Protein backbone atom coordinates (compact mmCIF):
# COMPACT_ATOMS: atom_id res chain seq x y z
CA MET A 1 115.63 93.43 68.51
CA LEU A 2 119.07 92.62 66.46
CA PRO A 3 120.96 90.90 68.89
CA GLY A 4 123.91 92.77 70.44
CA ILE A 5 123.22 96.48 68.93
CA SER A 6 122.98 99.40 70.70
CA ALA A 7 123.26 101.97 68.04
CA VAL A 8 122.26 102.67 64.64
CA ALA A 9 124.10 105.11 62.97
CA PHE A 10 123.69 106.53 59.32
CA ASP A 11 125.03 108.47 56.36
CA LEU A 12 123.45 111.54 54.90
CA ASP A 13 123.80 112.46 51.50
CA GLY A 14 121.86 109.65 49.23
CA THR A 15 121.14 107.48 52.41
CA LEU A 16 118.28 109.74 54.05
CA TYR A 17 117.55 111.56 50.96
CA PRO A 18 117.85 110.53 47.06
CA ASN A 19 120.91 112.38 45.85
CA TYR A 20 119.17 113.10 42.26
CA ARG A 21 116.98 115.37 44.04
CA LEU A 22 119.71 117.57 45.18
CA ASN A 23 121.94 116.95 41.96
CA VAL A 24 118.95 118.51 39.88
CA ARG A 25 118.73 121.79 41.68
CA LEU A 26 122.74 122.14 41.91
CA LEU A 27 122.87 121.52 38.02
CA PRO A 28 123.03 125.53 37.07
CA PHE A 29 125.69 125.69 39.73
CA LEU A 30 127.67 122.77 38.84
CA LEU A 31 128.07 124.00 35.00
CA ARG A 32 128.95 127.83 36.46
CA HIS A 33 131.72 126.59 38.71
CA TRP A 34 132.65 123.05 37.45
CA ARG A 35 136.32 123.82 37.70
CA LEU A 36 136.31 124.40 41.46
CA MET A 37 134.28 121.35 42.08
CA LEU A 38 136.25 119.39 39.97
CA SER A 39 139.36 120.66 41.99
CA PHE A 40 137.49 119.99 45.20
CA GLY A 41 136.85 116.57 44.10
CA LYS A 42 140.38 115.96 43.63
CA ALA A 43 141.24 117.63 46.51
CA ARG A 44 139.40 114.96 48.43
CA ASP A 45 140.71 111.99 46.23
CA ARG A 46 144.45 113.23 47.04
CA ILE A 47 143.07 112.94 50.93
CA ARG A 48 141.57 109.51 50.66
CA SER A 49 144.85 108.74 48.81
CA GLU A 50 146.92 110.00 51.81
CA GLN A 51 144.77 108.15 54.20
CA GLU A 52 145.15 104.90 52.39
CA ALA A 53 148.77 105.07 52.57
CA SER A 54 149.03 106.05 56.13
CA PRO A 55 145.70 104.71 58.12
CA SER A 56 146.02 106.29 61.33
CA SER A 57 146.90 109.80 59.95
CA PHE A 58 144.28 112.53 60.27
CA LYS A 59 144.29 116.53 59.48
CA ALA A 60 143.49 118.78 63.07
CA ASP A 61 142.83 121.53 60.12
CA PHE A 62 140.85 119.35 57.75
CA TYR A 63 139.13 122.07 56.08
CA ASN A 64 142.10 124.36 55.85
CA TYR A 65 144.31 121.67 54.42
CA GLN A 66 141.18 120.76 52.09
CA ALA A 67 141.18 124.50 50.93
CA ARG A 68 144.72 124.24 50.62
CA LEU A 69 144.90 121.38 47.93
CA THR A 70 141.89 122.67 46.19
CA ALA A 71 143.97 126.26 45.61
CA GLU A 72 147.07 124.11 44.34
CA HIS A 73 145.21 122.52 41.87
CA LEU A 74 143.71 125.33 40.65
CA ASN A 75 147.04 127.80 41.15
CA ALA A 76 144.86 130.39 42.90
CA PRO A 77 145.47 131.99 46.18
CA GLU A 78 144.21 129.79 49.26
CA GLU A 79 142.44 132.28 50.69
CA GLN A 80 140.08 133.01 48.20
CA ILE A 81 139.58 129.52 47.29
CA ARG A 82 138.49 128.83 51.07
CA GLN A 83 136.34 131.85 50.96
CA MET A 84 134.66 130.51 47.40
CA LEU A 85 134.37 127.08 49.30
CA GLU A 86 132.66 128.33 52.40
CA ARG A 87 130.22 130.39 49.97
CA PHE A 88 129.40 128.00 47.47
CA VAL A 89 130.05 124.13 48.58
CA TYR A 90 129.23 124.76 52.37
CA ARG A 91 126.87 127.44 52.62
CA GLY A 92 125.91 127.38 49.09
CA PHE A 93 124.17 124.02 49.23
CA GLU A 94 122.43 124.01 52.19
CA PRO A 95 119.32 126.14 51.53
CA HIS A 96 118.33 123.69 48.88
CA PHE A 97 117.83 121.28 51.81
CA MET A 98 114.55 123.12 52.53
CA LYS A 99 112.95 121.44 49.38
CA ILE A 100 114.76 118.12 49.40
CA LYS A 101 112.21 115.23 50.33
CA LEU A 102 113.65 112.61 52.36
CA PHE A 103 113.04 109.17 51.43
CA PRO A 104 109.43 107.41 52.63
CA GLN A 105 109.21 106.95 56.47
CA VAL A 106 112.36 108.22 57.33
CA LYS A 107 111.03 110.26 60.21
CA GLU A 108 108.75 107.79 61.31
CA ILE A 109 111.72 104.84 61.00
CA LEU A 110 113.95 107.30 62.93
CA ALA A 111 110.97 107.78 65.56
CA GLU A 112 110.61 103.77 66.27
CA LEU A 113 114.29 103.34 66.90
CA ARG A 114 114.73 106.22 69.34
CA ALA A 115 111.38 104.60 70.90
CA ALA A 116 113.04 101.41 71.21
CA ARG A 117 115.92 103.31 73.16
CA LEU A 118 118.25 102.78 70.60
CA LYS A 119 121.31 105.35 70.09
CA LEU A 120 120.93 107.19 66.82
CA GLY A 121 124.28 108.69 65.26
CA LEU A 122 125.04 110.44 61.85
CA LEU A 123 128.33 110.33 60.09
CA SER A 124 129.03 112.14 56.94
CA ASP A 125 131.76 113.79 55.07
CA PHE A 126 130.14 117.02 54.97
CA PRO A 127 128.79 119.12 57.81
CA PRO A 128 125.15 117.73 58.05
CA LYS A 129 123.81 120.19 61.09
CA THR A 130 122.13 123.04 58.78
CA LYS A 131 121.05 120.07 56.18
CA LEU A 132 119.11 118.50 59.25
CA GLU A 133 117.70 121.62 60.11
CA ASN A 134 116.40 122.43 56.75
CA LEU A 135 115.25 118.40 56.27
CA GLY A 136 113.40 118.77 59.43
CA ILE A 137 115.31 116.03 61.08
CA ALA A 138 117.63 117.82 63.65
CA ASP A 139 116.52 116.49 66.74
CA GLY A 140 116.65 113.32 68.56
CA TRP A 141 120.39 112.40 67.65
CA ASP A 142 122.69 111.32 70.14
CA THR A 143 125.61 112.48 67.81
CA VAL A 144 126.29 114.14 64.96
CA LEU A 145 129.91 114.40 63.26
CA CYS A 146 131.81 115.15 59.67
CA SER A 147 135.04 115.38 58.37
CA GLU A 148 135.86 118.87 59.95
CA ASP A 149 135.00 117.05 63.48
CA THR A 150 137.10 113.87 62.73
CA GLY A 151 139.59 115.15 60.47
CA ALA A 152 139.57 112.41 57.92
CA LEU A 153 137.24 111.21 55.42
CA LYS A 154 135.26 107.93 54.93
CA PRO A 155 136.31 104.99 54.47
CA ALA A 156 139.15 105.53 56.76
CA ALA A 157 138.87 103.87 60.59
CA ARG A 158 139.22 107.38 62.26
CA PRO A 159 135.45 108.75 61.26
CA PHE A 160 134.13 105.33 62.45
CA ALA A 161 136.09 105.36 65.60
CA CYS A 162 135.18 108.69 66.66
CA LEU A 163 131.66 107.67 66.16
CA ALA A 164 131.98 104.67 68.42
CA GLU A 165 133.59 107.04 70.94
CA ALA A 166 130.75 109.36 70.46
CA LEU A 167 128.43 106.97 71.06
CA GLU A 168 129.99 105.61 73.88
CA CYS A 169 129.45 101.90 71.86
CA ALA A 170 131.90 99.40 71.22
CA PRO A 171 132.10 99.10 67.29
CA GLY A 172 130.87 95.55 67.25
CA GLN A 173 127.32 97.43 69.08
CA ILE A 174 126.58 100.04 66.02
CA LEU A 175 124.80 99.14 62.80
CA TYR A 176 126.09 101.60 60.31
CA VAL A 177 123.53 102.61 57.76
CA GLY A 178 124.67 104.25 54.31
CA ASN A 179 124.57 103.89 50.58
CA SER A 180 127.95 103.79 49.51
CA TYR A 181 129.60 100.00 49.14
CA ARG A 182 133.19 101.96 49.25
CA TYR A 183 132.72 104.69 51.71
CA ASP A 184 129.99 103.53 54.10
CA VAL A 185 130.02 99.35 54.24
CA LEU A 186 134.01 98.85 53.61
CA GLY A 187 134.59 101.93 55.94
CA ALA A 188 132.66 100.27 58.52
CA ARG A 189 133.23 96.96 58.50
CA ARG A 190 136.66 97.44 58.79
CA ALA A 191 135.85 99.81 62.03
CA GLY A 192 134.32 96.52 63.21
CA MET A 193 130.64 97.76 62.68
CA LYS A 194 127.84 95.91 61.46
CA THR A 195 126.54 97.73 58.11
CA ALA A 196 123.15 97.99 56.30
CA LEU A 197 123.26 98.97 52.41
CA LEU A 198 120.69 100.72 50.93
CA ALA A 199 120.77 99.32 47.86
CA ARG A 200 120.01 101.56 44.31
CA TYR A 201 120.52 101.15 40.81
CA GLY A 202 124.17 99.99 40.05
CA THR A 203 125.15 98.48 43.38
CA PRO A 204 127.67 96.09 42.93
CA SER A 205 126.73 92.57 43.63
CA ARG A 206 130.19 92.18 45.97
CA ALA A 207 128.00 94.44 48.23
CA LYS A 208 125.34 92.17 48.71
CA THR A 209 127.66 89.67 50.17
CA GLU A 210 129.65 91.88 52.42
CA ALA A 211 126.84 94.21 53.85
CA ASP A 212 124.69 92.47 56.94
CA PHE A 213 122.01 93.63 55.64
CA ILE A 214 120.23 95.23 52.27
CA PHE A 215 117.63 97.11 52.04
CA HIS A 216 115.02 99.12 49.70
CA SER A 217 112.87 100.71 52.14
CA TYR A 218 113.45 101.97 55.37
CA ARG A 219 110.38 99.80 56.77
CA LYS A 220 112.36 96.85 56.07
CA LEU A 221 115.61 98.47 57.49
CA CYS A 222 113.62 98.76 60.81
CA ASP A 223 111.68 95.37 60.80
CA PHE A 224 115.68 93.96 60.46
CA VAL A 225 116.56 95.98 63.55
CA LEU A 226 113.66 95.83 66.02
CA HIS A 227 112.30 92.09 64.84
């Protein structure tokens, strides 16, 4: 067992399944609603900039604040944009996950980690619960959190602090697993957690020195944690 680790927590999108599989399915939607998605992305960029300027800040009304920023960028009514984001982004993406395949051995590895009496957590920047149900891995988590729960986006410290609190573990007892150097590795490291990075094509070289573990298959991750 990895010394000092009591819990393993995961990012979802791009970490438990390949992003490209979802992006291919969403391409028609993205082309049709490119202005909405561009503005939504800019709203999230602004939120992250505000978090960098004020690291302890968070938005108790994150969902509404995000819609307000998106509406401002589009010069459109806030309620209309909130409904569009709910319909197209939050609810609209979820059915696609019934046809998305997880990375090989994800289900088996999660079961092995649970059998080893490690707590399991999930922290995502998007609501994950329905996605997890459609992916067939909704059960067995000790906590599942997203930005709407924590009021902040990764790599801010608050989401990781909320994760540690929910898992009832000190940050140093948690191994956080993700596919993003910027959001997952840096965010979790700054919060005091150990980190494991799923390395894909284009992973920056500096990530390979800053993550505690780099892996290409979930079997390798399990071996790192349990042996």
